Amino acid sequence: MTRQDLRAQGEAEARAIFGSGEAALANPAAGFGALMAELVHGSIWTRPGLGHADRMACTLAALVAMQNWKQLRRHVAGALQMGLDPRAITEVLIQTGIYRGFAASETALEVALEVFAARGIGADALALTREDPLETLMERGRAQQAALHGARKDEAHAAPDNPVTGSIYPLVVQHAYGEIWDRPGLDKRTRALVAVAAFAALDHEILLRKFSLSALNMGATQAEVIEAVVQIGPYAGFAFMLKGLTAVGDAFGATPR
């Protein structure tokens, strides 16, 4: 395949994702749009190993992690164009707040709601009220931790006897694992890939290694985890993509699956 073929493939891919609206990474100045068609949409979005919906979820997570609101707006529109459910989109934005901060989630939700409203999707369609008691959240969170991480669930900051994190980690178990990871709209496998993408974008090597293995417990394949990291390259930086791939490769090499 020639560069011209890649460019044509990328232009077709971008049209399929973004339709006739405002395309992402397509500024024509200095040949940037043509280069992005070739490099991003022609070479990365078309790679085998991860479906388009998963690639978009990972992209949204990376953009929230980077707090890139202009590109997030374009990609939320693209996600709707691809057929992603608005609730699935909002769940990616909320979950990424565990890793980047819920202030980032709030701004991301504001951006998404504006895109939804322009397409006739009201906030009432996303209404969700959950009133489970804290005891239920703790029980559910511990079960989710065990399913996700297995024997590694009490490592590092999650260790119950950690003198520094011990007083705050139960809050994480209750609300991150027991509430957010349990919310409807996004399956556990996709949530695991979202976590992998976010940690790669944030250069959080320790948790990237941990969740790369944990994603396998949620039904993802090694190829899908690798592609989740590849997908963040255009949005968080190829340097972070390559560093993340090295960490994932090390994790898989240490624990063959």
C-alpha atoms as a PDB file:
ATOM      1  CA  MET A   1       0.000   0.000   0.000  1.00  0.00           C
ATOM      2  CA  THR A   2       1.312   3.460  -0.905  1.00  0.00           C
ATOM      3  CA  ARG A   3       1.048   6.646   1.117  1.00  0.00           C
ATOM      4  CA  GLN A   4      -1.568   7.820  -1.339  1.00  0.00           C
ATOM      5  CA  ASP A   5      -3.561   4.657  -0.678  1.00  0.00           C
ATOM      6  CA  LEU A   6      -3.297   5.202   3.080  1.00  0.00           C
ATOM      7  CA  ARG A   7      -4.444   8.784   2.670  1.00  0.00           C
ATOM      8  CA  ALA A   8      -7.443   7.774   0.590  1.00  0.00           C
ATOM      9  CA  GLN A   9      -8.275   5.038   3.091  1.00  0.00           C
ATOM     10  CA  GLY A  10      -7.993   7.514   5.933  1.00  0.00           C
ATOM     11  CA  GLU A  11     -10.198  10.095   4.250  1.00  0.00           C
ATOM     12  CA  ALA A  12     -12.868   7.440   3.714  1.00  0.00           C
ATOM     13  CA  GLU A  13     -12.507   6.294   7.328  1.00  0.00           C
ATOM     14  CA  ALA A  14     -12.861   9.843   8.658  1.00  0.00           C
ATOM     15  CA  ARG A  15     -15.996  10.377   6.585  1.00  0.00           C
ATOM     16  CA  ALA A  16     -17.458   7.148   7.981  1.00  0.00           C
ATOM     17  CA  ILE A  17     -16.717   8.269  11.545  1.00  0.00           C
ATOM     18  CA  PHE A  18     -17.607  11.949  11.372  1.00  0.00           C
ATOM     19  CA  GLY A  19     -20.029  12.115   8.467  1.00  0.00           C
ATOM     20  CA  SER A  20     -20.497  15.497   6.858  1.00  0.00           C
ATOM     21  CA  GLY A  21     -19.962  17.397  10.113  1.00  0.00           C
ATOM     22  CA  GLU A  22     -16.818  18.948  11.460  1.00  0.00           C
ATOM     23  CA  ALA A  23     -14.091  16.355  11.024  1.00  0.00           C
ATOM     24  CA  ALA A  24     -11.435  15.867  13.689  1.00  0.00           C
ATOM     25  CA  LEU A  25      -7.720  16.251  13.008  1.00  0.00           C
ATOM     26  CA  ALA A  26      -8.496  17.618   9.557  1.00  0.00           C
ATOM     27  CA  ASN A  27      -7.136  21.178   9.533  1.00  0.00           C
ATOM     28  CA  PRO A  28      -5.817  21.689   5.979  1.00  0.00           C
ATOM     29  CA  ALA A  29      -3.119  24.172   7.025  1.00  0.00           C
ATOM     30  CA  ALA A  30       0.422  23.137   6.107  1.00  0.00           C
ATOM     31  CA  GLY A  31      -0.819  19.763   4.871  1.00  0.00           C
ATOM     32  CA  PHE A  32      -1.803  18.728   8.405  1.00  0.00           C
ATOM     33  CA  GLY A  33      -5.185  17.304   7.444  1.00  0.00           C
ATOM     34  CA  ALA A  34      -3.742  15.122   4.701  1.00  0.00           C
ATOM     35  CA  LEU A  35      -1.038  13.857   7.043  1.00  0.00           C
ATOM     36  CA  MET A  36      -3.612  13.015   9.732  1.00  0.00           C
ATOM     37  CA  ALA A  37      -5.776  11.194   7.191  1.00  0.00           C
ATOM     38  CA  GLU A  38      -2.785   9.056   6.331  1.00  0.00           C
ATOM     39  CA  LEU A  39      -1.302   8.577   9.796  1.00  0.00           C
ATOM     40  CA  VAL A  40      -4.320   8.514  12.111  1.00  0.00           C
ATOM     41  CA  HIS A  41      -7.430   7.460  10.240  1.00  0.00           C
ATOM     42  CA  GLY A  42      -5.677   5.492   7.501  1.00  0.00           C
ATOM     43  CA  SER A  43      -3.063   3.732   9.625  1.00  0.00           C
ATOM     44  CA  ILE A  44      -4.405   3.473  13.193  1.00  0.00           C
ATOM     45  CA  TRP A  45      -8.204   3.505  13.059  1.00  0.00           C
ATOM     46  CA  THR A  46      -8.104   0.757  10.410  1.00  0.00           C
ATOM     47  CA  ARG A  47      -5.788  -1.581  12.304  1.00  0.00           C
ATOM     48  CA  PRO A  48      -7.146  -5.051  13.074  1.00  0.00           C
ATOM     49  CA  GLY A  49      -7.502  -6.262  16.636  1.00  0.00           C
ATOM     50  CA  LEU A  50     -10.013  -3.774  18.055  1.00  0.00           C
ATOM     51  CA  GLY A  51     -13.475  -2.791  16.861  1.00  0.00           C
ATOM     52  CA  HIS A  52     -14.445   0.751  15.980  1.00  0.00           C
ATOM     53  CA  ALA A  53     -16.747   1.239  18.977  1.00  0.00           C
ATOM     54  CA  ASP A  54     -13.937   0.206  21.326  1.00  0.00           C
ATOM     55  CA  ARG A  55     -11.471   2.470  19.528  1.00  0.00           C
ATOM     56  CA  MET A  56     -13.852   5.373  19.986  1.00  0.00           C
ATOM     57  CA  ALA A  57     -14.325   4.598  23.692  1.00  0.00           C
ATOM     58  CA  CYS A  58     -10.540   4.561  24.145  1.00  0.00           C
ATOM     59  CA  THR A  59     -10.234   7.803  22.181  1.00  0.00           C
ATOM     60  CA  LEU A  60     -12.844   9.527  24.342  1.00  0.00           C
ATOM     61  CA  ALA A  61     -11.018   8.355  27.473  1.00  0.00           C
ATOM     62  CA  ALA A  62      -7.718   9.713  26.171  1.00  0.00           C
ATOM     63  CA  LEU A  63      -9.259  13.073  25.254  1.00  0.00           C
ATOM     64  CA  VAL A  64     -10.805  13.455  28.706  1.00  0.00           C
ATOM     65  CA  ALA A  65      -7.476  12.470  30.265  1.00  0.00           C
ATOM     66  CA  MET A  66      -5.785  15.158  28.144  1.00  0.00           C
ATOM     67  CA  GLN A  67      -8.648  17.615  28.793  1.00  0.00           C
ATOM     68  CA  ASN A  68      -8.808  18.338  25.076  1.00  0.00           C
ATOM     69  CA  TRP A  69     -12.344  19.697  24.913  1.00  0.00           C
ATOM     70  CA  LYS A  70     -12.372  20.802  21.285  1.00  0.00           C
ATOM     71  CA  GLN A  71     -11.401  17.371  20.038  1.00  0.00           C
ATOM     72  CA  LEU A  72     -13.705  15.730  22.582  1.00  0.00           C
ATOM     73  CA  ARG A  73     -16.632  17.680  21.104  1.00  0.00           C
ATOM     74  CA  ARG A  74     -15.773  16.447  17.624  1.00  0.00           C
ATOM     75  CA  HIS A  75     -15.331  12.862  18.760  1.00  0.00           C
ATOM     76  CA  VAL A  76     -18.555  12.775  20.786  1.00  0.00           C
ATOM     77  CA  ALA A  77     -20.313  13.791  17.567  1.00  0.00           C
ATOM     78  CA  GLY A  78     -18.369  11.075  15.761  1.00  0.00           C
ATOM     79  CA  ALA A  79     -19.334   8.524  18.397  1.00  0.00           C
ATOM     80  CA  LEU A  80     -23.015   9.308  17.842  1.00  0.00           C
ATOM     81  CA  GLN A  81     -22.478   9.119  14.086  1.00  0.00           C
ATOM     82  CA  MET A  82     -20.988   5.642  14.589  1.00  0.00           C
ATOM     83  CA  GLY A  83     -24.037   4.551  16.555  1.00  0.00           C
ATOM     84  CA  LEU A  84     -22.694   4.619  20.124  1.00  0.00           C
ATOM     85  CA  ASP A  85     -25.430   5.000  22.685  1.00  0.00           C
ATOM     86  CA  PRO A  86     -25.384   8.377  24.471  1.00  0.00           C
ATOM     87  CA  ARG A  87     -25.339   6.610  27.840  1.00  0.00           C
ATOM     88  CA  ALA A  88     -22.277   4.583  26.826  1.00  0.00           C
ATOM     89  CA  ILE A  89     -20.539   7.826  25.846  1.00  0.00           C
ATOM     90  CA  THR A  90     -21.380   9.497  29.148  1.00  0.00           C
ATOM     91  CA  GLU A  91     -20.223   6.449  31.103  1.00  0.00           C
ATOM     92  CA  VAL A  92     -16.783   6.656  29.466  1.00  0.00           C
ATOM     93  CA  LEU A  93     -16.575  10.319  30.470  1.00  0.00           C
ATOM     94  CA  ILE A  94     -17.645   9.612  34.048  1.00  0.00           C
ATOM     95  CA  GLN A  95     -15.369   6.611  34.519  1.00  0.00           C
ATOM     96  CA  THR A  96     -12.325   8.487  33.247  1.00  0.00           C
ATOM     97  CA  GLY A  97     -12.861  10.889  36.136  1.00  0.00           C
ATOM     98  CA  ILE A  98     -11.641   8.169  38.498  1.00  0.00           C
ATOM     99  CA  TYR A  99      -8.246   8.467  36.817  1.00  0.00           C
ATOM    100  CA  ARG A 100      -8.066  12.131  35.688  1.00  0.00           C
ATOM    101  CA  GLY A 101     -10.343  13.775  38.220  1.00  0.00           C
ATOM    102  CA  PHE A 102     -14.074  14.351  38.335  1.00  0.00           C
ATOM    103  CA  ALA A 103     -13.588  18.014  37.493  1.00  0.00           C
ATOM    104  CA  ALA A 104     -12.503  16.751  34.071  1.00  0.00           C
ATOM    105  CA  SER A 105     -15.577  14.514  33.928  1.00  0.00           C
ATOM    106  CA  GLU A 106     -17.873  17.458  34.654  1.00  0.00           C
ATOM    107  CA  THR A 107     -16.423  19.537  31.839  1.00  0.00           C
ATOM    108  CA  ALA A 108     -16.528  16.521  29.536  1.00  0.00           C
ATOM    109  CA  LEU A 109     -20.201  15.992  30.358  1.00  0.00           C
ATOM    110  CA  GLU A 110     -20.940  19.646  29.613  1.00  0.00           C
ATOM    111  CA  VAL A 111     -19.333  19.234  26.200  1.00  0.00           C
ATOM    112  CA  ALA A 112     -21.196  15.996  25.514  1.00  0.00           C
ATOM    113  CA  LEU A 113     -24.568  17.386  26.591  1.00  0.00           C
ATOM    114  CA  GLU A 114     -24.157  20.300  24.177  1.00  0.00           C
ATOM    115  CA  VAL A 115     -23.474  17.836  21.350  1.00  0.00           C
ATOM    116  CA  PHE A 116     -26.428  15.691  22.426  1.00  0.00           C
ATOM    117  CA  ALA A 117     -28.768  18.674  22.614  1.00  0.00           C
ATOM    118  CA  ALA A 118     -27.827  19.732  19.089  1.00  0.00           C
ATOM    119  CA  ARG A 119     -29.028  16.291  17.990  1.00  0.00           C
ATOM    120  CA  GLY A 120     -32.222  16.355  19.994  1.00  0.00           C
ATOM    121  CA  ILE A 121     -30.983  14.148  22.840  1.00  0.00           C
ATOM    122  CA  GLY A 122     -32.088  15.655  26.151  1.00  0.00           C
ATOM    123  CA  ALA A 123     -30.408  15.236  29.513  1.00  0.00           C
ATOM    124  CA  ASP A 124     -33.551  13.516  30.792  1.00  0.00           C
ATOM    125  CA  ALA A 125     -32.717  10.544  28.542  1.00  0.00           C
ATOM    126  CA  LEU A 126     -29.599  10.019  30.661  1.00  0.00           C
ATOM    127  CA  ALA A 127     -31.291  10.354  34.054  1.00  0.00           C
ATOM    128  CA  LEU A 128     -30.053   7.824  36.578  1.00  0.00           C
ATOM    129  CA  THR A 129     -30.752   7.667  40.294  1.00  0.00           C
ATOM    130  CA  ARG A 130     -29.087   5.038  42.466  1.00  0.00           C
ATOM    131  CA  GLU A 131     -29.615   4.916  46.210  1.00  0.00           C
ATOM    132  CA  ASP A 132     -27.837   1.753  47.293  1.00  0.00           C
ATOM    133  CA  PRO A 133     -26.497   2.066  50.849  1.00  0.00           C
ATOM    134  CA  LEU A 134     -22.767   2.353  51.438  1.00  0.00           C
ATOM    135  CA  GLU A 135     -22.671  -1.194  52.800  1.00  0.00           C
ATOM    136  CA  THR A 136     -23.983  -2.471  49.484  1.00  0.00           C
ATOM    137  CA  LEU A 137     -21.442  -0.398  47.574  1.00  0.00           C
ATOM    138  CA  MET A 138     -18.631  -1.850  49.678  1.00  0.00           C
ATOM    139  CA  GLU A 139     -19.794  -5.416  49.147  1.00  0.00           C
ATOM    140  CA  ARG A 140     -20.253  -4.877  45.434  1.00  0.00           C
ATOM    141  CA  GLY A 141     -16.954  -3.022  45.151  1.00  0.00           C
ATOM    142  CA  ARG A 142     -14.980  -5.799  46.801  1.00  0.00           C
ATOM    143  CA  ALA A 143     -16.622  -8.341  44.495  1.00  0.00           C
ATOM    144  CA  GLN A 144     -15.750  -6.210  41.451  1.00  0.00           C
ATOM    145  CA  GLN A 145     -12.168  -5.805  42.658  1.00  0.00           C
ATOM    146  CA  ALA A 146     -11.817  -9.555  43.041  1.00  0.00           C
ATOM    147  CA  ALA A 147     -13.299 -10.256  39.606  1.00  0.00           C
ATOM    148  CA  LEU A 148     -11.167  -7.613  37.955  1.00  0.00           C
ATOM    149  CA  HIS A 149      -7.811  -8.079  39.659  1.00  0.00           C
ATOM    150  CA  GLY A 150      -7.940 -11.563  41.139  1.00  0.00           C
ATOM    151  CA  ALA A 151      -5.037 -12.287  43.465  1.00  0.00           C
ATOM    152  CA  ARG A 152      -3.599  -8.809  42.748  1.00  0.00           C
ATOM    153  CA  LYS A 153      -6.575  -6.959  44.257  1.00  0.00           C
ATOM    154  CA  ASP A 154      -4.772  -6.062  47.509  1.00  0.00           C
ATOM    155  CA  GLU A 155      -1.450  -5.011  46.004  1.00  0.00           C
ATOM    156  CA  ALA A 156       0.231  -1.612  46.487  1.00  0.00           C
ATOM    157  CA  HIS A 157      -2.152   1.209  47.516  1.00  0.00           C
ATOM    158  CA  ALA A 158      -5.043  -1.275  47.738  1.00  0.00           C
ATOM    159  CA  ALA A 159      -3.373  -3.192  50.565  1.00  0.00           C
ATOM    160  CA  PRO A 160      -5.713  -3.083  53.594  1.00  0.00           C
ATOM    161  CA  ASP A 161      -2.790  -2.599  55.973  1.00  0.00           C
ATOM    162  CA  ASN A 162      -1.158   0.236  54.018  1.00  0.00           C
ATOM    163  CA  PRO A 163      -0.647   2.934  56.693  1.00  0.00           C
ATOM    164  CA  VAL A 164      -0.952   5.812  54.228  1.00  0.00           C
ATOM    165  CA  THR A 165      -3.792   4.763  51.914  1.00  0.00           C
ATOM    166  CA  GLY A 166      -5.678   2.562  54.370  1.00  0.00           C
ATOM    167  CA  SER A 167      -7.999   5.308  55.582  1.00  0.00           C
ATOM    168  CA  ILE A 168      -9.066   6.517  52.132  1.00  0.00           C
ATOM    169  CA  TYR A 169      -9.038   3.376  49.989  1.00  0.00           C
ATOM    170  CA  PRO A 170     -12.437   2.097  51.245  1.00  0.00           C
ATOM    171  CA  LEU A 171     -13.942   5.174  49.579  1.00  0.00           C
ATOM    172  CA  VAL A 172     -12.373   4.053  46.306  1.00  0.00           C
ATOM    173  CA  VAL A 173     -13.761   0.551  46.747  1.00  0.00           C
ATOM    174  CA  GLN A 174     -17.251   1.869  47.432  1.00  0.00           C
ATOM    175  CA  HIS A 175     -17.590   4.532  44.766  1.00  0.00           C
ATOM    176  CA  ALA A 176     -15.092   3.641  42.030  1.00  0.00           C
ATOM    177  CA  TYR A 177     -15.619  -0.113  42.000  1.00  0.00           C
ATOM    178  CA  GLY A 178     -18.965  -0.481  43.779  1.00  0.00           C
ATOM    179  CA  GLU A 179     -20.780   2.394  42.079  1.00  0.00           C
ATOM    180  CA  ILE A 180     -19.126   3.658  38.892  1.00  0.00           C
ATOM    181  CA  TRP A 181     -17.921   0.302  37.576  1.00  0.00           C
ATOM    182  CA  ASP A 182     -21.425  -1.063  38.223  1.00  0.00           C
ATOM    183  CA  ARG A 183     -23.397   1.683  36.462  1.00  0.00           C
ATOM    184  CA  PRO A 184     -25.469   0.604  33.435  1.00  0.00           C
ATOM    185  CA  GLY A 185     -24.565   1.564  29.901  1.00  0.00           C
ATOM    186  CA  LEU A 186     -21.048   0.183  29.570  1.00  0.00           C
ATOM    187  CA  ASP A 187     -19.997  -3.443  29.913  1.00  0.00           C
ATOM    188  CA  LYS A 188     -17.064  -4.456  32.109  1.00  0.00           C
ATOM    189  CA  ARG A 189     -14.807  -5.425  29.201  1.00  0.00           C
ATOM    190  CA  THR A 190     -15.169  -1.970  27.651  1.00  0.00           C
ATOM    191  CA  ARG A 191     -14.646  -0.342  31.048  1.00  0.00           C
ATOM    192  CA  ALA A 192     -11.385  -2.255  31.400  1.00  0.00           C
ATOM    193  CA  LEU A 193     -10.204  -1.048  27.982  1.00  0.00           C
ATOM    194  CA  VAL A 194     -11.204   2.525  28.908  1.00  0.00           C
ATOM    195  CA  ALA A 195      -9.062   2.217  32.053  1.00  0.00           C
ATOM    196  CA  VAL A 196      -6.119   0.912  30.009  1.00  0.00           C
ATOM    197  CA  ALA A 197      -6.421   3.803  27.547  1.00  0.00           C
ATOM    198  CA  ALA A 198      -6.679   6.389  30.314  1.00  0.00           C
ATOM    199  CA  PHE A 199      -3.671   5.063  32.223  1.00  0.00           C
ATOM    200  CA  ALA A 200      -1.592   4.961  29.041  1.00  0.00           C
ATOM    201  CA  ALA A 201      -2.563   8.552  28.211  1.00  0.00           C
ATOM    202  CA  LEU A 202      -1.735   9.657  31.761  1.00  0.00           C
ATOM    203  CA  ASP A 203       1.585   7.771  31.769  1.00  0.00           C
ATOM    204  CA  HIS A 204       0.524   5.884  34.906  1.00  0.00           C
ATOM    205  CA  GLU A 205       2.730   2.858  34.360  1.00  0.00           C
ATOM    206  CA  ILE A 206       1.950   1.005  37.604  1.00  0.00           C
ATOM    207  CA  LEU A 207      -1.803   0.946  37.063  1.00  0.00           C
ATOM    208  CA  LEU A 208      -1.414   0.392  33.320  1.00  0.00           C
ATOM    209  CA  ARG A 209       0.450  -2.847  34.036  1.00  0.00           C
ATOM    210  CA  LYS A 210      -2.154  -3.892  36.596  1.00  0.00           C
ATOM    211  CA  PHE A 211      -5.201  -3.141  34.446  1.00  0.00           C
ATOM    212  CA  SER A 212      -3.644  -4.632  31.316  1.00  0.00           C
ATOM    213  CA  LEU A 213      -3.760  -7.999  33.039  1.00  0.00           C
ATOM    214  CA  SER A 214      -7.103  -7.267  34.679  1.00  0.00           C
ATOM    215  CA  ALA A 215      -8.689  -6.488  31.307  1.00  0.00           C
ATOM    216  CA  LEU A 216      -8.076 -10.109  30.359  1.00  0.00           C
ATOM    217  CA  ASN A 217     -10.209 -11.138  33.331  1.00  0.00           C
ATOM    218  CA  MET A 218     -13.043  -9.037  31.884  1.00  0.00           C
ATOM    219  CA  GLY A 219     -12.930 -10.841  28.537  1.00  0.00           C
ATOM    220  CA  ALA A 220     -10.543  -8.661  26.545  1.00  0.00           C
ATOM    221  CA  THR A 221      -7.758 -10.278  24.570  1.00  0.00           C
ATOM    222  CA  GLN A 222      -4.094  -9.338  24.687  1.00  0.00           C
ATOM    223  CA  ALA A 223      -4.442  -7.959  21.143  1.00  0.00           C
ATOM    224  CA  GLU A 224      -7.334  -5.728  22.233  1.00  0.00           C
ATOM    225  CA  VAL A 225      -5.379  -4.382  25.212  1.00  0.00           C
ATOM    226  CA  ILE A 226      -2.418  -3.620  22.971  1.00  0.00           C
ATOM    227  CA  GLU A 227      -4.648  -1.843  20.458  1.00  0.00           C
ATOM    228  CA  ALA A 228      -6.282   0.185  23.240  1.00  0.00           C
ATOM    229  CA  VAL A 229      -2.836   1.609  23.957  1.00  0.00           C
ATOM    230  CA  VAL A 230      -2.042   2.106  20.263  1.00  0.00           C
ATOM    231  CA  GLN A 231      -5.294   4.067  19.905  1.00  0.00           C
ATOM    232  CA  ILE A 232      -4.242   6.773  22.369  1.00  0.00           C
ATOM    233  CA  GLY A 233      -1.138   7.639  20.334  1.00  0.00           C
ATOM    234  CA  PRO A 234      -2.644  10.366  18.133  1.00  0.00           C
ATOM    235  CA  TYR A 235      -4.421  11.994  21.091  1.00  0.00           C
ATOM    236  CA  ALA A 236      -1.969  11.697  23.993  1.00  0.00           C
ATOM    237  CA  GLY A 237       1.298  11.373  22.084  1.00  0.00           C
ATOM    238  CA  PHE A 238       3.208   8.623  20.335  1.00  0.00           C
ATOM    239  CA  ALA A 239       5.871   8.770  23.060  1.00  0.00           C
ATOM    240  CA  PHE A 240       3.248   7.809  25.656  1.00  0.00           C
ATOM    241  CA  MET A 241       1.835   5.163  23.335  1.00  0.00           C
ATOM    242  CA  LEU A 242       5.250   3.534  22.940  1.00  0.00           C
ATOM    243  CA  LYS A 243       5.998   3.735  26.655  1.00  0.00           C
ATOM    244  CA  GLY A 244       2.602   2.233  27.391  1.00  0.00           C
ATOM    245  CA  LEU A 245       3.130  -0.586  24.908  1.00  0.00           C
ATOM    246  CA  THR A 246       6.439  -1.403  26.589  1.00  0.00           C
ATOM    247  CA  ALA A 247       4.704  -1.607  29.971  1.00  0.00           C
ATOM    248  CA  VAL A 248       1.935  -3.799  28.574  1.00  0.00           C
ATOM    249  CA  GLY A 249       4.444  -6.055  26.857  1.00  0.00           C
ATOM    250  CA  ASP A 250       6.341  -6.455  30.116  1.00  0.00           C
ATOM    251  CA  ALA A 251       3.134  -7.267  31.983  1.00  0.00           C
ATOM    252  CA  PHE A 252       2.090  -9.889  29.468  1.00  0.00           C
ATOM    253  CA  GLY A 253       5.581 -11.357  29.382  1.00  0.00           C
ATOM    254  CA  ALA A 254       5.596 -11.760  33.141  1.00  0.00           C
ATOM    255  CA  THR A 255       2.147 -13.338  33.195  1.00  0.00           C
ATOM    256  CA  PRO A 256       1.453 -15.221  29.939  1.00  0.00           C
ATOM    257  CA  ARG A 257      -2.254 -15.654  29.187  1.00  0.00           C
END
